[in-house]
């Protein structure tokens, strides 16, 4: 939404500044706070967000079904979001970010405050998406999630990127033979 003061941005092979309308439909967002309508069913929410992305007909129906399946919510599709458990709401939030099959997905702490079962289901879904080629920018305080899902990890401290690399590269940077999790845990 804001133009950079300098530099270039390429997203999914397209110059974002020159062709923003070609890139935006390819981006999905899963915000930290659940951003769904509580009175609507899960299916109605996914249909609404799919339409917001310009989906209609078979593409919309497939996107809704794919989102429900990815989030493990097919059986809860008709339930109002406000009646779901916290973990199920998080999974519905994820499904809304996936309904249009984005090529790039931004996730802001999608597992914070969820039960172990929902967390495992979310991580499994994200792992399958990554294996299928979906690029992700994943924000988390849980280093084990970063290790499990990411091939590159960036560490931000007070708004500044202080380290970037694979787990092995970051471990070498801090001159530890153990995992990055242990090193970060020792400095908290």
N, C-alpha and C. Protein backbone atom coordinates (compact mmCIF):
# COMPACT_ATOMS: atom_id res chain seq x y z
N UNK A 1 0.82 -1.20 0.00
CA UNK A 1 0.00 0.00 0.00
C UNK A 1 0.85 1.26 0.00
N UNK A 2 2.05 1.18 0.59
CA UNK A 2 2.96 2.32 0.63
C UNK A 2 4.10 2.08 -0.35
N UNK A 3 4.50 3.12 -1.05
CA UNK A 3 5.61 2.99 -1.98
C UNK A 3 6.92 3.08 -1.21
N UNK A 4 7.87 2.22 -1.53
CA UNK A 4 9.16 2.27 -0.83
C UNK A 4 9.97 3.49 -1.25
N UNK A 5 10.83 3.94 -0.36
CA UNK A 5 11.69 5.09 -0.65
C UNK A 5 12.80 4.69 -1.63
N UNK A 6 13.16 3.41 -1.62
CA UNK A 6 14.22 2.93 -2.51
C UNK A 6 14.05 1.43 -2.70
N UNK A 7 14.70 0.90 -3.70
CA UNK A 7 14.72 -0.53 -3.93
C UNK A 7 13.61 -1.02 -4.83
N UNK A 8 13.59 -2.34 -5.01
CA UNK A 8 12.61 -3.00 -5.86
C UNK A 8 12.00 -4.15 -5.07
N UNK A 9 10.79 -4.51 -5.44
CA UNK A 9 10.11 -5.65 -4.82
C UNK A 9 9.59 -6.54 -5.93
N UNK A 10 10.06 -7.79 -5.92
CA UNK A 10 9.54 -8.78 -6.84
C UNK A 10 8.81 -9.82 -6.01
N UNK A 11 7.60 -10.12 -6.41
CA UNK A 11 6.78 -11.07 -5.68
C UNK A 11 6.22 -12.07 -6.69
N UNK A 12 6.54 -13.35 -6.49
CA UNK A 12 6.09 -14.40 -7.39
C UNK A 12 6.48 -14.10 -8.84
N UNK A 13 7.67 -13.53 -9.00
CA UNK A 13 8.21 -13.25 -10.32
C UNK A 13 7.72 -11.98 -10.97
N UNK A 14 6.91 -11.20 -10.28
CA UNK A 14 6.31 -9.99 -10.85
C UNK A 14 6.80 -8.77 -10.06
N UNK A 15 7.12 -7.70 -10.77
CA UNK A 15 7.51 -6.45 -10.12
C UNK A 15 6.28 -5.87 -9.43
N UNK A 16 6.30 -5.87 -8.11
CA UNK A 16 5.14 -5.45 -7.33
C UNK A 16 4.80 -3.98 -7.54
N UNK A 17 5.81 -3.14 -7.71
CA UNK A 17 5.55 -1.71 -7.88
C UNK A 17 4.98 -1.39 -9.25
N UNK A 18 5.43 -2.11 -10.27
CA UNK A 18 4.95 -1.86 -11.62
C UNK A 18 3.58 -2.52 -11.87
N UNK A 19 3.31 -3.66 -11.21
CA UNK A 19 2.08 -4.42 -11.49
C UNK A 19 1.41 -4.89 -10.20
N UNK A 20 1.03 -3.99 -9.32
CA UNK A 20 0.45 -4.42 -8.04
C UNK A 20 -0.84 -5.21 -8.18
N UNK A 21 -1.63 -4.91 -9.18
CA UNK A 21 -2.91 -5.61 -9.35
C UNK A 21 -2.73 -7.05 -9.82
N UNK A 22 -1.57 -7.35 -10.39
CA UNK A 22 -1.29 -8.74 -10.78
C UNK A 22 -0.81 -9.54 -9.58
N UNK A 23 -0.23 -8.87 -8.59
CA UNK A 23 0.33 -9.58 -7.44
C UNK A 23 -0.67 -9.75 -6.30
N UNK A 24 -1.43 -8.73 -6.00
CA UNK A 24 -2.32 -8.77 -4.82
C UNK A 24 -3.24 -9.99 -4.78
N UNK A 25 -3.83 -10.40 -5.89
CA UNK A 25 -4.71 -11.58 -5.81
C UNK A 25 -3.97 -12.87 -5.47
N UNK A 26 -2.65 -12.85 -5.59
CA UNK A 26 -1.84 -14.03 -5.31
C UNK A 26 -1.34 -14.09 -3.88
N UNK A 27 -1.72 -13.11 -3.07
CA UNK A 27 -1.25 -13.03 -1.69
C UNK A 27 -2.38 -13.39 -0.74
N UNK A 28 -2.06 -14.26 0.22
CA UNK A 28 -3.02 -14.61 1.27
C UNK A 28 -2.51 -14.10 2.60
N UNK A 29 -3.42 -13.85 3.51
CA UNK A 29 -3.07 -13.34 4.83
C UNK A 29 -3.83 -14.10 5.90
N UNK A 30 -3.10 -14.55 6.91
CA UNK A 30 -3.70 -15.16 8.09
C UNK A 30 -3.23 -14.30 9.26
N UNK A 31 -4.08 -13.35 9.70
CA UNK A 31 -3.67 -12.45 10.79
C UNK A 31 -3.66 -13.16 12.14
N UNK A 32 -2.95 -12.56 13.08
CA UNK A 32 -2.86 -13.14 14.42
C UNK A 32 -4.24 -13.20 15.08
N UNK A 33 -4.99 -12.14 15.00
CA UNK A 33 -6.34 -12.14 15.55
C UNK A 33 -7.29 -12.76 14.54
N UNK A 34 -8.21 -13.57 15.01
CA UNK A 34 -9.18 -14.19 14.12
C UNK A 34 -10.02 -13.08 13.48
N UNK A 35 -10.06 -13.07 12.17
CA UNK A 35 -10.72 -12.00 11.41
C UNK A 35 -11.90 -12.56 10.62
N UNK A 36 -12.80 -13.22 11.33
CA UNK A 36 -13.97 -13.83 10.71
C UNK A 36 -15.24 -13.27 11.34
N UNK A 37 -16.36 -13.49 10.68
CA UNK A 37 -17.65 -13.03 11.18
C UNK A 37 -18.26 -14.13 12.04
N UNK A 38 -18.40 -13.87 13.34
CA UNK A 38 -18.86 -14.87 14.29
C UNK A 38 -20.25 -15.41 14.02
N UNK A 39 -21.16 -14.60 13.51
CA UNK A 39 -22.53 -15.03 13.26
C UNK A 39 -22.64 -15.91 12.02
N UNK A 40 -21.65 -15.83 11.13
CA UNK A 40 -21.68 -16.63 9.91
C UNK A 40 -21.05 -17.99 10.17
N UNK A 41 -21.49 -18.98 9.40
CA UNK A 41 -20.87 -20.30 9.49
C UNK A 41 -19.46 -20.24 8.90
N UNK A 42 -18.70 -21.29 9.14
CA UNK A 42 -17.36 -21.37 8.55
C UNK A 42 -17.48 -21.30 7.03
N UNK A 43 -18.39 -22.07 6.46
CA UNK A 43 -18.58 -22.09 5.00
C UNK A 43 -18.96 -20.70 4.49
N UNK A 44 -19.87 -20.00 5.18
CA UNK A 44 -20.28 -18.67 4.75
C UNK A 44 -19.12 -17.69 4.80
N UNK A 45 -18.27 -17.80 5.82
CA UNK A 45 -17.09 -16.95 5.90
C UNK A 45 -16.15 -17.20 4.73
N UNK A 46 -15.90 -18.47 4.44
CA UNK A 46 -14.99 -18.80 3.34
C UNK A 46 -15.56 -18.35 2.00
N UNK A 47 -16.87 -18.49 1.84
CA UNK A 47 -17.51 -18.02 0.61
C UNK A 47 -17.37 -16.51 0.47
N UNK A 48 -17.59 -15.79 1.56
CA UNK A 48 -17.45 -14.34 1.55
C UNK A 48 -16.03 -13.94 1.14
N UNK A 49 -15.02 -14.52 1.81
CA UNK A 49 -13.64 -14.14 1.50
C UNK A 49 -13.23 -14.59 0.10
N UNK A 50 -13.73 -15.73 -0.35
CA UNK A 50 -13.46 -16.15 -1.72
C UNK A 50 -14.00 -15.16 -2.74
N UNK A 51 -15.21 -14.67 -2.49
CA UNK A 51 -15.79 -13.66 -3.38
C UNK A 51 -14.99 -12.37 -3.35
N UNK A 52 -14.48 -12.02 -2.18
CA UNK A 52 -13.64 -10.81 -2.07
C UNK A 52 -12.41 -10.94 -2.96
N UNK A 53 -11.94 -12.16 -3.18
CA UNK A 53 -10.80 -12.39 -4.06
C UNK A 53 -11.22 -12.62 -5.50
N UNK A 54 -12.48 -12.43 -5.80
CA UNK A 54 -12.95 -12.53 -7.17
C UNK A 54 -13.32 -13.93 -7.61
N UNK A 55 -13.42 -14.87 -6.69
CA UNK A 55 -13.79 -16.23 -7.07
C UNK A 55 -15.30 -16.32 -7.27
N UNK A 56 -15.72 -17.18 -8.17
CA UNK A 56 -17.13 -17.43 -8.42
C UNK A 56 -17.26 -18.84 -8.98
N UNK A 57 -18.49 -19.35 -8.98
CA UNK A 57 -18.77 -20.64 -9.59
C UNK A 57 -17.93 -21.77 -9.05
N UNK A 58 -17.41 -22.59 -9.95
CA UNK A 58 -16.65 -23.79 -9.60
C UNK A 58 -15.37 -23.42 -8.83
N UNK A 59 -14.72 -22.33 -9.24
CA UNK A 59 -13.48 -21.92 -8.53
C UNK A 59 -13.78 -21.58 -7.07
N UNK A 60 -14.90 -20.90 -6.82
CA UNK A 60 -15.29 -20.56 -5.46
C UNK A 60 -15.63 -21.82 -4.67
N UNK A 61 -16.44 -22.69 -5.24
CA UNK A 61 -16.81 -23.93 -4.55
C UNK A 61 -15.58 -24.77 -4.22
N UNK A 62 -14.67 -24.89 -5.18
CA UNK A 62 -13.44 -25.66 -4.96
C UNK A 62 -12.56 -25.00 -3.90
N UNK A 63 -12.48 -23.66 -3.91
CA UNK A 63 -11.69 -22.96 -2.92
C UNK A 63 -12.23 -23.14 -1.52
N UNK A 64 -13.55 -23.07 -1.38
CA UNK A 64 -14.18 -23.26 -0.07
C UNK A 64 -13.93 -24.68 0.43
N UNK A 65 -14.15 -25.67 -0.43
CA UNK A 65 -13.94 -27.06 -0.03
C UNK A 65 -12.47 -27.32 0.28
N UNK A 66 -11.57 -26.74 -0.52
CA UNK A 66 -10.14 -26.90 -0.26
C UNK A 66 -9.72 -26.28 1.06
N UNK A 67 -10.26 -25.10 1.37
CA UNK A 67 -9.96 -24.44 2.64
C UNK A 67 -10.47 -25.25 3.82
N UNK A 68 -11.70 -25.76 3.71
CA UNK A 68 -12.28 -26.59 4.77
C UNK A 68 -11.44 -27.84 5.00
N UNK A 69 -11.04 -28.47 3.91
CA UNK A 69 -10.24 -29.69 4.01
C UNK A 69 -8.86 -29.41 4.60
N UNK A 70 -8.21 -28.35 4.13
CA UNK A 70 -6.87 -28.02 4.62
C UNK A 70 -6.88 -27.72 6.12
N UNK A 71 -7.96 -27.13 6.59
CA UNK A 71 -8.07 -26.77 8.01
C UNK A 71 -8.72 -27.87 8.85
N UNK A 72 -9.13 -28.94 8.21
CA UNK A 72 -9.77 -30.01 8.94
C UNK A 72 -11.11 -29.61 9.53
N UNK A 73 -11.87 -28.81 8.78
CA UNK A 73 -13.14 -28.28 9.29
C UNK A 73 -14.35 -28.68 8.44
N UNK A 74 -14.21 -29.70 7.62
CA UNK A 74 -15.31 -30.10 6.76
C UNK A 74 -16.57 -30.42 7.58
N UNK A 75 -16.40 -31.13 8.68
CA UNK A 75 -17.55 -31.50 9.51
C UNK A 75 -18.14 -30.32 10.26
N UNK A 76 -17.37 -29.25 10.46
CA UNK A 76 -17.84 -28.07 11.19
C UNK A 76 -18.25 -26.95 10.24
N UNK A 77 -18.35 -27.22 8.95
CA UNK A 77 -18.57 -26.17 7.95
C UNK A 77 -19.83 -25.36 8.19
N UNK A 78 -20.87 -25.96 8.74
CA UNK A 78 -22.14 -25.26 8.91
C UNK A 78 -22.26 -24.57 10.28
N UNK A 79 -21.29 -24.75 11.13
CA UNK A 79 -21.35 -24.16 12.47
C UNK A 79 -20.96 -22.69 12.44
N UNK A 80 -21.68 -21.85 13.19
CA UNK A 80 -21.26 -20.44 13.30
C UNK A 80 -19.88 -20.36 13.95
N UNK A 81 -19.05 -19.46 13.46
CA UNK A 81 -17.69 -19.32 13.97
C UNK A 81 -17.70 -19.04 15.47
N UNK A 82 -18.66 -18.27 15.97
CA UNK A 82 -18.67 -17.93 17.39
C UNK A 82 -18.89 -19.15 18.28
N UNK A 83 -19.38 -20.25 17.72
CA UNK A 83 -19.60 -21.46 18.50
C UNK A 83 -18.41 -22.43 18.47
N UNK A 84 -17.38 -22.09 17.73
CA UNK A 84 -16.21 -22.97 17.61
C UNK A 84 -15.27 -22.77 18.79
N UNK A 85 -14.48 -23.79 19.07
CA UNK A 85 -13.41 -23.66 20.07
C UNK A 85 -12.36 -22.69 19.53
N UNK A 86 -11.49 -22.21 20.39
CA UNK A 86 -10.43 -21.29 19.95
C UNK A 86 -9.55 -21.89 18.88
N UNK A 87 -9.19 -23.16 19.03
CA UNK A 87 -8.36 -23.82 18.02
C UNK A 87 -9.06 -23.95 16.68
N UNK A 88 -10.34 -24.25 16.72
CA UNK A 88 -11.10 -24.37 15.47
C UNK A 88 -11.25 -23.00 14.81
N UNK A 89 -11.40 -21.94 15.60
CA UNK A 89 -11.46 -20.59 15.02
C UNK A 89 -10.15 -20.26 14.32
N UNK A 90 -9.03 -20.62 14.94
CA UNK A 90 -7.72 -20.38 14.30
C UNK A 90 -7.63 -21.13 12.99
N UNK A 91 -8.10 -22.36 12.98
CA UNK A 91 -8.06 -23.15 11.75
C UNK A 91 -8.97 -22.56 10.69
N UNK A 92 -10.14 -22.03 11.09
CA UNK A 92 -11.03 -21.37 10.14
C UNK A 92 -10.37 -20.10 9.59
N UNK A 93 -9.64 -19.40 10.44
CA UNK A 93 -8.89 -18.20 10.03
C UNK A 93 -7.87 -18.58 8.95
N UNK A 94 -7.19 -19.70 9.16
CA UNK A 94 -6.24 -20.21 8.17
C UNK A 94 -6.96 -20.54 6.86
N UNK A 95 -8.10 -21.21 6.96
CA UNK A 95 -8.85 -21.58 5.76
C UNK A 95 -9.23 -20.35 4.95
N UNK A 96 -9.60 -19.26 5.63
CA UNK A 96 -9.98 -18.02 4.93
C UNK A 96 -8.79 -17.45 4.16
N UNK A 97 -7.58 -17.62 4.68
CA UNK A 97 -6.39 -17.15 3.98
C UNK A 97 -6.00 -18.02 2.80
N UNK A 98 -6.56 -19.24 2.75
CA UNK A 98 -6.20 -20.20 1.70
C UNK A 98 -7.25 -20.35 0.61
N UNK A 99 -8.44 -19.81 0.82
CA UNK A 99 -9.57 -20.07 -0.05
C UNK A 99 -9.28 -19.76 -1.51
N UNK A 100 -8.42 -18.80 -1.79
CA UNK A 100 -8.13 -18.42 -3.18
C UNK A 100 -6.81 -19.01 -3.69
N UNK A 101 -6.27 -19.99 -2.97
CA UNK A 101 -5.03 -20.69 -3.36
C UNK A 101 -3.89 -19.71 -3.66
N UNK A 102 -3.48 -18.93 -2.66
CA UNK A 102 -2.43 -17.93 -2.90
C UNK A 102 -1.08 -18.58 -3.18
N UNK A 103 -0.27 -17.87 -3.94
CA UNK A 103 1.09 -18.32 -4.18
C UNK A 103 2.02 -17.89 -3.06
N UNK A 104 1.64 -16.83 -2.34
CA UNK A 104 2.41 -16.31 -1.21
C UNK A 104 1.45 -16.11 -0.04
N UNK A 105 1.79 -16.68 1.09
CA UNK A 105 0.93 -16.63 2.26
C UNK A 105 1.68 -16.00 3.43
N UNK A 106 1.11 -14.94 3.98
CA UNK A 106 1.65 -14.30 5.18
C UNK A 106 0.87 -14.82 6.38
N UNK A 107 1.59 -15.31 7.39
CA UNK A 107 0.96 -15.85 8.59
C UNK A 107 1.55 -15.17 9.81
N UNK A 108 0.71 -14.59 10.64
CA UNK A 108 1.16 -13.91 11.85
C UNK A 108 0.74 -14.74 13.06
N UNK A 109 1.66 -15.52 13.56
CA UNK A 109 1.47 -16.36 14.74
C UNK A 109 0.16 -17.16 14.70
N UNK A 110 0.01 -18.01 13.68
CA UNK A 110 -1.26 -18.72 13.52
C UNK A 110 -1.56 -19.76 14.58
N UNK A 111 -0.58 -20.14 15.40
CA UNK A 111 -0.82 -21.17 16.40
C UNK A 111 -0.82 -20.64 17.83
N UNK A 112 -0.72 -19.34 18.01
CA UNK A 112 -0.65 -18.81 19.36
C UNK A 112 -1.96 -19.10 20.11
N UNK A 113 -1.83 -19.66 21.29
CA UNK A 113 -2.97 -19.91 22.15
C UNK A 113 -3.88 -21.05 21.74
N UNK A 114 -3.44 -21.94 20.86
CA UNK A 114 -4.30 -23.05 20.46
C UNK A 114 -3.89 -24.33 21.18
N UNK A 115 -4.82 -25.27 21.22
CA UNK A 115 -4.56 -26.57 21.83
C UNK A 115 -3.59 -27.36 20.95
N UNK A 116 -3.01 -28.41 21.54
CA UNK A 116 -1.99 -29.20 20.84
C UNK A 116 -2.53 -29.84 19.56
N UNK A 117 -3.77 -30.30 19.58
CA UNK A 117 -4.35 -30.95 18.41
C UNK A 117 -4.49 -29.95 17.26
N UNK A 118 -5.02 -28.77 17.54
CA UNK A 118 -5.17 -27.76 16.49
C UNK A 118 -3.82 -27.29 15.98
N UNK A 119 -2.88 -27.12 16.89
CA UNK A 119 -1.53 -26.70 16.49
C UNK A 119 -0.92 -27.71 15.52
N UNK A 120 -1.01 -28.99 15.87
CA UNK A 120 -0.46 -30.03 15.00
C UNK A 120 -1.16 -30.02 13.64
N UNK A 121 -2.47 -29.83 13.63
CA UNK A 121 -3.21 -29.81 12.37
C UNK A 121 -2.81 -28.62 11.51
N UNK A 122 -2.65 -27.45 12.13
CA UNK A 122 -2.23 -26.25 11.40
C UNK A 122 -0.85 -26.45 10.80
N UNK A 123 0.09 -26.94 11.62
CA UNK A 123 1.45 -27.15 11.13
C UNK A 123 1.49 -28.19 10.01
N UNK A 124 0.69 -29.24 10.14
CA UNK A 124 0.62 -30.26 9.09
C UNK A 124 0.09 -29.65 7.79
N UNK A 125 -0.96 -28.84 7.89
CA UNK A 125 -1.53 -28.20 6.70
C UNK A 125 -0.50 -27.28 6.04
N UNK A 126 0.22 -26.51 6.85
CA UNK A 126 1.22 -25.60 6.30
C UNK A 126 2.38 -26.37 5.67
N UNK A 127 2.76 -27.47 6.27
CA UNK A 127 3.81 -28.30 5.68
C UNK A 127 3.41 -28.83 4.31
N UNK A 128 2.15 -29.26 4.18
CA UNK A 128 1.66 -29.74 2.88
C UNK A 128 1.62 -28.61 1.86
N UNK A 129 1.20 -27.42 2.30
CA UNK A 129 1.18 -26.27 1.37
C UNK A 129 2.58 -25.93 0.89
N UNK A 130 3.53 -25.92 1.81
CA UNK A 130 4.91 -25.61 1.45
C UNK A 130 5.44 -26.66 0.46
N UNK A 131 5.15 -27.92 0.72
CA UNK A 131 5.61 -29.00 -0.17
C UNK A 131 4.98 -28.87 -1.56
N UNK A 132 3.78 -28.29 -1.62
CA UNK A 132 3.09 -28.09 -2.91
C UNK A 132 3.54 -26.81 -3.61
N UNK A 133 4.42 -26.02 -2.96
CA UNK A 133 4.98 -24.85 -3.63
C UNK A 133 4.48 -23.50 -3.15
N UNK A 134 3.65 -23.46 -2.13
CA UNK A 134 3.20 -22.17 -1.61
C UNK A 134 4.33 -21.54 -0.81
N UNK A 135 4.70 -20.32 -1.16
CA UNK A 135 5.72 -19.58 -0.41
C UNK A 135 5.05 -18.96 0.81
N UNK A 136 5.77 -18.94 1.94
CA UNK A 136 5.19 -18.41 3.16
C UNK A 136 6.16 -17.50 3.89
N UNK A 137 5.59 -16.46 4.48
CA UNK A 137 6.31 -15.63 5.45
C UNK A 137 5.58 -15.87 6.75
N UNK A 138 6.28 -16.47 7.70
CA UNK A 138 5.67 -17.01 8.91
C UNK A 138 6.27 -16.31 10.13
N UNK A 139 5.44 -15.59 10.86
CA UNK A 139 5.91 -14.91 12.07
C UNK A 139 5.55 -15.77 13.27
N UNK A 140 6.54 -16.05 14.13
CA UNK A 140 6.29 -16.86 15.31
C UNK A 140 7.31 -16.56 16.40
N UNK A 141 6.91 -16.81 17.62
CA UNK A 141 7.83 -16.77 18.76
C UNK A 141 8.30 -18.18 19.10
N UNK A 142 7.72 -19.18 18.43
CA UNK A 142 8.05 -20.57 18.71
C UNK A 142 9.13 -21.04 17.74
N UNK A 143 10.35 -21.10 18.22
CA UNK A 143 11.46 -21.46 17.34
C UNK A 143 11.33 -22.87 16.78
N UNK A 144 10.69 -23.79 17.54
CA UNK A 144 10.53 -25.14 17.01
C UNK A 144 9.64 -25.14 15.77
N UNK A 145 8.66 -24.21 15.69
CA UNK A 145 7.84 -24.08 14.49
C UNK A 145 8.68 -23.56 13.33
N UNK A 146 9.51 -22.59 13.61
CA UNK A 146 10.38 -22.04 12.56
C UNK A 146 11.29 -23.12 12.02
N UNK A 147 11.83 -23.94 12.92
CA UNK A 147 12.71 -25.02 12.48
C UNK A 147 11.95 -26.05 11.65
N UNK A 148 10.75 -26.37 12.07
CA UNK A 148 9.98 -27.40 11.40
C UNK A 148 9.51 -26.97 10.01
N UNK A 149 9.13 -25.72 9.87
CA UNK A 149 8.49 -25.27 8.63
C UNK A 149 9.42 -24.56 7.66
N UNK A 150 10.49 -23.97 8.15
CA UNK A 150 11.26 -23.04 7.33
C UNK A 150 12.60 -23.59 6.90
N UNK A 151 13.00 -23.21 5.71
CA UNK A 151 14.37 -23.51 5.31
C UNK A 151 15.27 -22.31 5.58
N UNK A 152 14.67 -21.13 5.75
CA UNK A 152 15.41 -19.92 6.16
C UNK A 152 14.66 -19.26 7.29
N UNK A 153 15.42 -18.80 8.27
CA UNK A 153 14.83 -18.16 9.44
C UNK A 153 15.45 -16.78 9.59
N UNK A 154 14.61 -15.79 9.85
CA UNK A 154 15.08 -14.45 10.18
C UNK A 154 14.72 -14.15 11.62
N UNK A 155 15.63 -13.56 12.34
CA UNK A 155 15.36 -13.19 13.73
C UNK A 155 15.32 -11.68 13.81
N UNK A 156 14.19 -11.17 14.32
CA UNK A 156 13.98 -9.73 14.45
C UNK A 156 13.97 -9.38 15.92
N UNK A 157 14.74 -8.38 16.28
CA UNK A 157 14.81 -7.91 17.65
C UNK A 157 14.59 -6.40 17.65
N UNK A 158 13.59 -5.94 18.38
CA UNK A 158 13.25 -4.52 18.44
C UNK A 158 13.08 -3.90 17.05
N UNK A 159 12.42 -4.66 16.15
CA UNK A 159 12.11 -4.15 14.83
C UNK A 159 13.24 -4.22 13.82
N UNK A 160 14.37 -4.79 14.17
CA UNK A 160 15.50 -4.90 13.24
C UNK A 160 15.86 -6.35 13.00
N UNK A 161 16.12 -6.68 11.73
CA UNK A 161 16.57 -8.01 11.37
C UNK A 161 18.01 -8.17 11.85
N UNK A 162 18.22 -9.08 12.80
CA UNK A 162 19.58 -9.24 13.36
C UNK A 162 20.27 -10.51 12.86
N UNK A 163 19.50 -11.43 12.28
CA UNK A 163 20.11 -12.64 11.73
C UNK A 163 19.18 -13.23 10.69
N UNK A 164 19.78 -13.84 9.66
CA UNK A 164 19.01 -14.46 8.60
C UNK A 164 19.81 -15.61 8.02
N UNK A 165 19.19 -16.76 7.89
CA UNK A 165 19.88 -17.90 7.29
C UNK A 165 19.17 -19.20 7.60
N UNK A 166 19.79 -20.29 7.19
CA UNK A 166 19.27 -21.60 7.55
C UNK A 166 19.58 -21.84 9.01
N UNK A 167 18.97 -22.87 9.59
CA UNK A 167 19.26 -23.16 10.99
C UNK A 167 20.75 -23.44 11.17
N UNK A 168 21.35 -24.17 10.26
CA UNK A 168 22.77 -24.49 10.36
C UNK A 168 23.62 -23.21 10.30
N UNK A 169 23.28 -22.30 9.38
CA UNK A 169 24.02 -21.03 9.27
C UNK A 169 23.88 -20.20 10.53
N UNK A 170 22.68 -20.12 11.07
CA UNK A 170 22.48 -19.33 12.29
C UNK A 170 23.20 -19.95 13.47
N UNK A 171 23.19 -21.28 13.55
CA UNK A 171 23.90 -21.95 14.62
C UNK A 171 25.40 -21.66 14.53
N UNK A 172 25.96 -21.67 13.31
CA UNK A 172 27.38 -21.35 13.14
C UNK A 172 27.67 -19.90 13.53
N UNK A 173 26.73 -18.98 13.21
CA UNK A 173 26.92 -17.57 13.55
C UNK A 173 27.05 -17.37 15.05
N UNK A 174 26.32 -18.16 15.82
CA UNK A 174 26.39 -17.99 17.27
C UNK A 174 27.40 -18.94 17.90
N UNK A 175 28.11 -19.68 17.07
CA UNK A 175 29.18 -20.58 17.48
C UNK A 175 28.71 -21.59 18.51
N UNK A 176 27.59 -22.20 18.21
CA UNK A 176 27.04 -23.24 19.07
C UNK A 176 27.00 -24.54 18.28
N UNK A 177 27.17 -25.64 18.95
CA UNK A 177 27.01 -26.93 18.29
C UNK A 177 25.64 -27.50 18.54
N UNK A 178 24.90 -26.91 19.48
CA UNK A 178 23.56 -27.36 19.78
C UNK A 178 22.58 -26.61 18.90
N UNK A 179 21.31 -26.79 19.12
CA UNK A 179 20.32 -26.16 18.27
C UNK A 179 20.17 -24.69 18.59
N UNK A 180 19.63 -23.97 17.65
CA UNK A 180 19.36 -22.54 17.82
C UNK A 180 18.37 -22.32 18.95
N UNK A 181 17.44 -23.23 19.14
CA UNK A 181 16.45 -23.09 20.21
C UNK A 181 17.16 -22.97 21.55
N UNK A 182 18.12 -23.81 21.79
CA UNK A 182 18.82 -23.76 23.07
C UNK A 182 19.59 -22.45 23.23
N UNK A 183 20.20 -22.01 22.16
CA UNK A 183 20.96 -20.75 22.25
C UNK A 183 20.05 -19.58 22.55
N UNK A 184 18.95 -19.49 21.82
CA UNK A 184 18.03 -18.37 22.05
C UNK A 184 17.45 -18.46 23.44
N UNK A 185 17.08 -19.65 23.89
CA UNK A 185 16.53 -19.81 25.22
C UNK A 185 17.47 -19.36 26.32
N UNK A 186 18.77 -19.52 26.12
CA UNK A 186 19.75 -19.11 27.13
C UNK A 186 19.86 -17.61 27.24
N UNK A 187 19.50 -16.86 26.17
CA UNK A 187 19.65 -15.40 26.18
C UNK A 187 18.37 -14.67 26.54
N UNK A 188 17.28 -15.37 26.78
CA UNK A 188 16.02 -14.68 27.06
C UNK A 188 16.01 -14.09 28.46
